[in-house]
N, C-alpha and C. Protein backbone atom coordinates (compact mmCIF):
# COMPACT_ATOMS: atom_id res chain seq x y z
N MET A 1 0.77 -1.28 -0.21
CA MET A 1 0.03 0.05 0.02
C MET A 1 0.78 0.91 0.18
N ASP A 2 0.62 2.08 -0.68
CA ASP A 2 1.34 3.68 -0.58
C ASP A 2 0.24 4.21 -0.02
N ALA A 3 0.51 4.89 1.08
CA ALA A 3 -0.05 5.54 2.31
C ALA A 3 -0.14 6.87 1.78
N LEU A 4 -1.41 7.34 1.86
CA LEU A 4 -1.80 8.82 1.33
C LEU A 4 -2.09 9.82 2.60
N TYR A 5 -2.14 9.29 4.17
CA TYR A 5 -2.20 9.87 5.26
C TYR A 5 -2.27 8.38 6.35
N THR A 6 -1.55 9.18 7.63
CA THR A 6 -1.25 8.09 8.65
C THR A 6 -1.81 9.04 9.74
N ALA A 7 -2.66 8.38 10.39
CA ALA A 7 -2.83 8.90 11.92
C ALA A 7 -2.30 8.10 13.22
N VAL A 8 -1.67 9.08 13.74
CA VAL A 8 -1.03 8.76 14.84
C VAL A 8 -1.93 8.84 16.04
N ALA A 9 -1.87 8.11 16.80
CA ALA A 9 -2.75 8.24 18.34
C ALA A 9 -1.98 7.49 19.42
N THR A 10 -1.64 7.59 20.51
CA THR A 10 -0.88 7.15 21.72
C THR A 10 -2.14 7.14 22.83
N ALA A 11 -2.13 5.75 23.32
CA ALA A 11 -3.21 5.42 24.46
C ALA A 11 -2.36 4.82 25.71
N ASN A 12 -2.64 4.78 26.63
CA ASN A 12 -2.23 3.55 27.67
C ASN A 12 -2.70 3.03 28.80
N GLY A 13 -4.12 2.31 27.67
CA GLY A 13 -4.62 1.39 28.35
C GLY A 13 -6.08 2.21 28.79
N ARG A 14 -7.08 0.77 28.91
CA ARG A 14 -8.53 1.32 29.30
C ARG A 14 -9.09 2.43 30.54
N GLU A 15 -7.99 2.69 31.18
CA GLU A 15 -7.97 3.61 32.37
C GLU A 15 -7.30 4.70 32.30
N GLY A 16 -7.14 5.15 31.40
CA GLY A 16 -6.13 6.54 30.86
C GLY A 16 -6.36 7.40 30.04
N ARG A 17 -5.68 7.61 29.31
CA ARG A 17 -6.31 8.73 28.04
C ARG A 17 -5.48 8.21 26.72
N ALA A 18 -6.27 8.68 25.68
CA ALA A 18 -6.11 8.43 24.51
C ALA A 18 -5.82 10.28 23.28
N VAL A 19 -4.67 10.16 23.07
CA VAL A 19 -4.33 11.35 22.52
C VAL A 19 -3.78 11.25 21.15
N SER A 20 -4.22 11.99 20.23
CA SER A 20 -3.57 12.26 18.93
C SER A 20 -2.54 12.99 18.87
N SER A 21 -1.65 12.95 17.84
CA SER A 21 -0.43 13.49 17.51
C SER A 21 -0.53 14.98 17.43
N ASP A 22 -1.77 15.35 16.76
CA ASP A 22 -2.39 16.77 16.36
C ASP A 22 -3.07 17.58 17.66
N GLY A 23 -3.45 16.66 18.35
CA GLY A 23 -3.92 17.27 19.85
C GLY A 23 -5.28 17.26 19.53
N ARG A 24 -6.40 16.88 18.40
CA ARG A 24 -7.29 17.35 17.93
C ARG A 24 -8.00 15.98 19.16
N ILE A 25 -7.96 14.87 19.14
CA ILE A 25 -8.32 13.84 20.09
C ILE A 25 -7.26 13.97 21.58
N ASP A 26 -7.79 14.19 22.87
CA ASP A 26 -7.47 14.18 23.90
C ASP A 26 -8.45 14.01 24.86
N LEU A 27 -8.54 12.64 25.39
CA LEU A 27 -9.52 11.82 25.92
C LEU A 27 -9.47 11.40 26.82
N PRO A 28 -10.45 11.53 28.01
CA PRO A 28 -10.14 10.31 29.00
C PRO A 28 -10.45 8.73 28.57
N LEU A 29 -9.87 7.73 29.06
CA LEU A 29 -10.73 6.79 28.94
C LEU A 29 -11.19 5.68 30.02
N ALA A 30 -11.84 5.16 29.87
CA ALA A 30 -12.37 4.67 31.02
C ALA A 30 -13.13 2.96 30.89
N PHE A 31 -13.37 2.12 31.47
CA PHE A 31 -14.21 0.60 31.48
C PHE A 31 -15.69 1.39 31.46
N PRO A 32 -16.44 0.60 30.80
CA PRO A 32 -17.60 1.36 30.26
C PRO A 32 -18.33 0.46 31.73
N ALA A 33 -19.63 0.97 32.09
CA ALA A 33 -20.21 1.10 33.60
C ALA A 33 -20.60 -1.12 33.10
N ALA A 34 -21.32 -1.53 32.25
CA ALA A 34 -21.56 -2.34 31.64
C ALA A 34 -20.69 -3.37 32.30
N LEU A 35 -19.07 -3.08 31.78
CA LEU A 35 -17.99 -3.80 31.99
C LEU A 35 -17.43 -3.88 33.55
N GLY A 36 -18.08 -2.86 34.59
CA GLY A 36 -17.31 -3.16 35.87
C GLY A 36 -16.65 -1.88 36.14
N GLY A 37 -17.03 -0.93 35.05
CA GLY A 37 -16.38 0.61 35.17
C GLY A 37 -17.19 1.73 35.60
N ASN A 38 -16.35 2.91 35.84
CA ASN A 38 -17.03 3.99 36.11
C ASN A 38 -17.74 4.52 34.87
N GLY A 39 -17.31 4.28 33.67
CA GLY A 39 -17.79 4.84 32.55
C GLY A 39 -17.68 6.43 32.36
N GLN A 40 -16.83 6.64 32.99
CA GLN A 40 -16.35 8.43 33.06
C GLN A 40 -15.30 8.71 32.29
N GLY A 41 -15.44 8.12 30.90
CA GLY A 41 -14.43 8.33 29.57
C GLY A 41 -14.94 7.61 28.89
N THR A 42 -14.77 7.70 27.19
CA THR A 42 -14.98 7.05 26.45
C THR A 42 -14.22 5.51 26.38
N ASN A 43 -14.29 4.73 25.51
CA ASN A 43 -13.61 3.46 25.76
C ASN A 43 -13.27 2.97 24.06
N PRO A 44 -12.30 2.06 23.96
CA PRO A 44 -12.16 1.87 22.58
C PRO A 44 -13.31 1.03 21.44
N GLU A 45 -14.17 0.38 21.98
CA GLU A 45 -15.56 0.00 21.22
C GLU A 45 -15.88 1.38 20.91
N GLN A 46 -16.30 2.60 21.58
CA GLN A 46 -16.80 3.31 21.13
C GLN A 46 -16.39 4.37 20.14
N LEU A 47 -14.69 4.69 20.02
CA LEU A 47 -13.88 5.17 19.01
C LEU A 47 -14.14 4.27 17.78
N PHE A 48 -13.80 2.96 17.96
CA PHE A 48 -13.89 2.34 16.99
C PHE A 48 -15.36 2.41 16.07
N ALA A 49 -16.36 2.57 16.98
CA ALA A 49 -17.80 2.36 16.34
C ALA A 49 -17.57 3.63 15.61
N ALA A 50 -16.97 4.97 16.24
CA ALA A 50 -17.73 6.16 15.35
C ALA A 50 -16.57 6.04 14.04
N GLY A 51 -15.26 6.05 14.26
CA GLY A 51 -14.67 5.44 12.86
C GLY A 51 -14.76 4.55 11.91
N TYR A 52 -15.72 3.65 12.45
CA TYR A 52 -16.19 2.27 11.38
C TYR A 52 -17.73 3.08 10.65
N ALA A 53 -17.95 3.63 11.62
CA ALA A 53 -19.60 4.52 11.05
C ALA A 53 -19.48 5.52 9.90
N ALA A 54 -17.91 6.48 10.24
CA ALA A 54 -17.79 7.34 9.39
C ALA A 54 -17.23 6.82 7.86
N CYS A 55 -16.51 6.06 8.10
CA CYS A 55 -15.68 5.46 7.36
C CYS A 55 -16.68 4.59 6.16
N PHE A 56 -17.82 3.77 6.79
CA PHE A 56 -18.31 3.51 5.89
C PHE A 56 -19.38 4.06 5.32
N ALA A 57 -19.96 5.31 5.54
CA ALA A 57 -20.76 6.28 5.09
C ALA A 57 -20.01 7.18 4.06
N SER A 58 -18.46 7.25 4.69
CA SER A 58 -17.81 8.03 2.97
C SER A 58 -17.82 7.00 1.87
N ALA A 59 -17.55 5.80 2.31
CA ALA A 59 -17.50 4.60 1.41
C ALA A 59 -18.87 4.88 0.86
N MET A 60 -19.98 4.77 1.38
CA MET A 60 -21.23 4.73 0.73
C MET A 60 -21.06 6.10 -0.30
N GLY A 61 -20.54 7.02 -0.16
CA GLY A 61 -20.66 7.99 -1.02
C GLY A 61 -20.09 8.06 -1.99
N ALA A 62 -19.07 7.34 -1.82
CA ALA A 62 -18.16 7.27 -3.22
C ALA A 62 -18.97 6.13 -3.75
N ILE A 63 -19.28 5.24 -3.48
CA ILE A 63 -20.12 4.19 -4.46
C ILE A 63 -21.15 4.64 -5.18
N GLY A 64 -21.95 5.65 -4.51
CA GLY A 64 -23.35 6.83 -5.04
C GLY A 64 -22.57 7.65 -5.86
N ARG A 65 -21.31 7.96 -6.02
CA ARG A 65 -21.15 8.95 -7.07
C ARG A 65 -20.62 8.23 -8.05
N GLN A 66 -20.06 6.82 -7.96
CA GLN A 66 -19.79 6.36 -8.72
C GLN A 66 -20.79 5.36 -9.72
N GLU A 67 -21.95 5.28 -9.57
CA GLU A 67 -22.97 4.67 -9.70
C GLU A 67 -24.40 5.70 -10.02
N LYS A 68 -23.69 7.20 -9.74
CA LYS A 68 -25.18 7.96 -9.70
C LYS A 68 -25.90 7.98 -9.16
N ILE A 69 -25.92 7.10 -7.76
CA ILE A 69 -27.12 7.35 -6.58
C ILE A 69 -26.63 8.42 -5.63
N ASP A 70 -28.24 8.92 -5.59
CA ASP A 70 -28.45 9.84 -4.16
C ASP A 70 -27.97 9.50 -3.24
N VAL A 71 -27.42 9.24 -2.14
CA VAL A 71 -26.87 8.94 -0.82
C VAL A 71 -26.84 10.07 0.32
N LYS A 72 -27.12 11.23 -0.27
CA LYS A 72 -27.08 12.53 0.68
C LYS A 72 -27.77 12.54 2.04
N ASP A 73 -29.22 11.51 2.14
CA ASP A 73 -29.77 11.54 3.29
C ASP A 73 -29.59 10.33 3.72
N ALA A 74 -28.56 9.36 3.60
CA ALA A 74 -28.23 8.07 4.08
C ALA A 74 -27.39 8.67 5.62
N SER A 75 -27.56 7.52 6.60
CA SER A 75 -26.62 7.94 7.81
C SER A 75 -26.40 6.28 8.20
N VAL A 76 -25.08 6.25 8.73
CA VAL A 76 -24.89 4.94 9.41
C VAL A 76 -24.61 5.23 10.88
N THR A 77 -25.42 3.85 11.62
CA THR A 77 -24.59 3.76 12.70
C THR A 77 -24.09 2.46 12.93
N ALA A 78 -22.79 2.30 13.51
CA ALA A 78 -22.09 1.37 14.01
C ALA A 78 -22.39 0.91 15.56
N GLU A 79 -22.73 -0.45 15.59
CA GLU A 79 -22.76 -0.99 16.72
C GLU A 79 -21.87 -1.70 17.16
N VAL A 80 -20.63 -1.60 18.07
CA VAL A 80 -19.80 -2.64 18.12
C VAL A 80 -19.80 -3.19 19.52
N SER A 81 -19.64 -4.40 19.40
CA SER A 81 -19.96 -5.24 20.77
C SER A 81 -18.35 -6.18 21.03
N ILE A 82 -17.73 -6.28 22.29
CA ILE A 82 -17.08 -6.64 22.75
C ILE A 82 -17.52 -8.17 24.25
N GLY A 83 -16.96 -9.14 23.50
CA GLY A 83 -17.30 -10.33 24.52
C GLY A 83 -16.26 -11.37 24.39
N LYS A 84 -16.57 -12.26 25.17
CA LYS A 84 -15.60 -13.71 25.20
C LYS A 84 -15.69 -14.33 23.66
N ASP A 85 -14.60 -14.90 23.36
CA ASP A 85 -14.40 -15.49 22.28
C ASP A 85 -14.20 -16.79 22.61
N THR A 86 -14.11 -17.71 21.79
CA THR A 86 -14.04 -18.86 22.02
C THR A 86 -12.51 -19.53 22.36
N ASP A 87 -11.57 -18.93 22.46
CA ASP A 87 -9.93 -19.04 22.93
C ASP A 87 -10.00 -18.86 24.66
N GLY A 88 -11.36 -18.16 24.72
CA GLY A 88 -10.86 -17.47 26.08
C GLY A 88 -10.64 -16.15 26.32
N GLY A 89 -10.32 -15.51 25.11
CA GLY A 89 -10.10 -14.10 24.87
C GLY A 89 -11.18 -13.22 24.83
N PHE A 90 -11.15 -12.34 24.18
CA PHE A 90 -11.84 -11.23 23.70
C PHE A 90 -11.89 -10.92 22.22
N GLY A 91 -13.09 -10.84 21.81
CA GLY A 91 -13.35 -10.81 20.59
C GLY A 91 -14.62 -9.48 20.40
N LEU A 92 -15.02 -9.07 18.63
CA LEU A 92 -15.46 -7.95 18.66
C LEU A 92 -16.48 -8.58 17.61
N ALA A 93 -17.51 -7.76 17.85
CA ALA A 93 -18.58 -8.23 16.45
C ALA A 93 -19.42 -6.98 16.45
N VAL A 94 -19.74 -6.61 14.90
CA VAL A 94 -20.21 -5.51 14.33
C VAL A 94 -21.45 -5.62 13.82
N VAL A 95 -22.51 -4.27 14.23
CA VAL A 95 -23.95 -4.60 13.69
C VAL A 95 -23.84 -2.99 13.09
N MET A 96 -23.79 -2.98 11.04
CA MET A 96 -24.15 -1.34 10.63
C MET A 96 -25.35 -1.71 10.40
N ARG A 97 -26.16 -0.48 11.23
CA ARG A 97 -27.23 0.00 10.76
C ARG A 97 -27.12 1.11 9.67
N VAL A 98 -27.72 0.81 8.70
CA VAL A 98 -27.86 1.86 7.48
C VAL A 98 -29.24 2.39 7.18
N GLU A 99 -29.37 3.66 7.58
CA GLU A 99 -30.85 4.10 7.19
C GLU A 99 -30.60 4.84 5.76
N LEU A 100 -31.55 4.66 5.09
CA LEU A 100 -31.43 4.87 3.71
C LEU A 100 -32.40 5.42 3.08
N PRO A 101 -32.40 6.49 2.37
CA PRO A 101 -33.82 6.89 1.81
C PRO A 101 -34.77 6.37 1.18
N ASP A 102 -35.97 6.49 1.25
CA ASP A 102 -37.17 5.89 0.37
C ASP A 102 -36.89 5.19 -0.83
N HIS A 103 -35.98 6.04 -2.04
CA HIS A 103 -35.46 5.70 -3.11
C HIS A 103 -34.57 4.56 -3.22
N LEU A 104 -33.68 4.39 -1.72
CA LEU A 104 -33.31 3.16 -2.04
C LEU A 104 -33.30 1.75 -0.75
N GLN A 105 -34.92 1.95 -0.60
CA GLN A 105 -34.95 0.64 0.04
C GLN A 105 -35.12 -0.49 -0.82
N GLY A 106 -35.05 -1.66 -0.37
CA GLY A 106 -35.18 -3.17 -1.38
C GLY A 106 -33.73 -3.29 -1.90
N GLU A 107 -33.95 -3.97 -2.85
CA GLU A 107 -32.83 -4.52 -3.25
C GLU A 107 -31.93 -3.46 -4.03
N ALA A 108 -32.17 -2.48 -4.34
CA ALA A 108 -31.14 -1.31 -4.79
C ALA A 108 -30.43 -1.01 -3.39
N GLY A 109 -31.15 -0.53 -2.14
CA GLY A 109 -30.20 -0.52 -1.09
C GLY A 109 -29.45 -1.57 -0.72
N ARG A 110 -29.67 -2.90 -0.39
CA ARG A 110 -28.91 -3.85 -0.27
C ARG A 110 -27.64 -4.22 -1.02
N ASP A 111 -28.15 -3.53 -2.65
CA ASP A 111 -26.69 -4.27 -3.33
C ASP A 111 -25.94 -2.93 -2.97
N LEU A 112 -26.59 -1.59 -2.53
CA LEU A 112 -25.43 -0.12 -2.33
C LEU A 112 -24.81 -0.86 -1.03
N LEU A 113 -25.29 -1.29 0.18
CA LEU A 113 -24.75 -2.02 1.21
C LEU A 113 -23.42 -2.79 0.89
N GLU A 114 -23.87 -3.76 -0.33
CA GLU A 114 -23.05 -4.68 -0.12
C GLU A 114 -21.62 -4.25 -0.91
N LYS A 115 -22.03 -3.30 -2.18
CA LYS A 115 -21.06 -2.77 -2.60
C LYS A 115 -19.91 -2.11 -1.37
N THR A 116 -20.44 -1.16 -0.97
CA THR A 116 -20.13 -0.19 0.17
C THR A 116 -18.89 -1.27 1.17
N HIS A 117 -19.69 -2.28 1.76
CA HIS A 117 -18.63 -3.31 2.61
C HIS A 117 -17.41 -3.61 1.33
N ALA A 118 -17.76 -3.71 0.46
CA ALA A 118 -16.39 -4.32 -0.35
C ALA A 118 -15.44 -3.57 -0.38
N TYR A 119 -15.62 -1.83 -0.27
CA TYR A 119 -15.15 -0.71 -0.78
C TYR A 119 -14.55 -0.42 0.44
N CYS A 120 -15.15 -0.62 1.74
CA CYS A 120 -15.06 0.31 2.67
C CYS A 120 -13.73 -0.17 3.60
N PRO A 121 -12.29 0.83 3.57
CA PRO A 121 -11.18 0.39 4.51
C PRO A 121 -11.39 -0.58 5.54
N TYR A 122 -12.37 0.42 6.34
CA TYR A 122 -12.43 -0.63 7.68
C TYR A 122 -13.27 -2.29 7.54
N SER A 123 -13.77 -2.07 6.46
CA SER A 123 -14.52 -3.25 6.27
C SER A 123 -13.47 -4.23 5.75
N LYS A 124 -12.51 -3.82 4.87
CA LYS A 124 -11.57 -4.84 4.38
C LYS A 124 -10.51 -5.25 5.58
N ALA A 125 -10.24 -4.12 6.86
CA ALA A 125 -9.49 -4.80 7.54
C ALA A 125 -10.43 -5.74 8.55
N THR A 126 -11.49 -5.47 8.38
CA THR A 126 -12.10 -6.61 9.55
C THR A 126 -12.72 -7.82 8.94
N ARG A 127 -12.80 -7.54 7.54
CA ARG A 127 -13.25 -8.94 6.57
C ARG A 127 -12.23 -10.48 7.30
N GLY A 128 -13.35 -11.05 7.96
CA GLY A 128 -12.50 -12.60 8.13
C GLY A 128 -11.97 -12.70 9.81
N ASN A 129 -12.07 -11.44 9.97
CA ASN A 129 -11.63 -11.27 11.63
C ASN A 129 -12.55 -11.07 12.94
N ILE A 130 -13.52 -10.27 12.20
CA ILE A 130 -14.75 -9.95 13.39
C ILE A 130 -16.01 -10.48 12.45
N GLU A 131 -17.42 -10.71 12.95
CA GLU A 131 -18.70 -10.60 12.41
C GLU A 131 -18.98 -9.47 12.26
N VAL A 132 -19.36 -8.97 10.89
CA VAL A 132 -19.84 -7.90 10.48
C VAL A 132 -21.41 -8.20 9.96
N GLU A 133 -22.32 -7.64 10.52
CA GLU A 133 -23.98 -7.82 10.06
C GLU A 133 -24.30 -6.67 9.34
N LEU A 134 -24.55 -6.54 8.38
CA LEU A 134 -25.54 -5.12 7.77
C LEU A 134 -26.81 -5.10 7.86
N VAL A 135 -27.53 -3.88 8.22
CA VAL A 135 -28.93 -3.73 8.50
C VAL A 135 -29.53 -2.81 7.93
N VAL A 136 -30.24 -3.00 6.99
CA VAL A 136 -30.60 -1.90 6.07
C VAL A 136 -32.28 -1.26 6.97
N GLU A 137 -32.42 -0.30 7.41
CA GLU A 137 -33.38 0.28 8.13
C GLU A 137 -33.89 1.63 7.74
């Protein structure tokens, strides 16, 4: 791959801070209350969900432009879950909920999501590693 941009961030664990090299991200991190933490900060799953949703929406825009499909009223919500996996460690799963305008309901919308999932860099990075479910809403 020939890198066009490289993001850099540093973190010191789930109960610390996450800081980007340009200072635009400077967040306290904390375990969510659901995992026994105080919930007084963000967590890696929220950060991953935000990044994946934004990337997927941008990829959908690119596919829309290529195919001359209006996707400006679409929105993407990523639900990132963490849980125990089969080897006793932890794993992730994602549900991508895509709200599409009326003209993209049915087969046209499903086709758009499949093409977007094939194109999106986050989807490519997770393919074969974590379960990703695509839901049209």
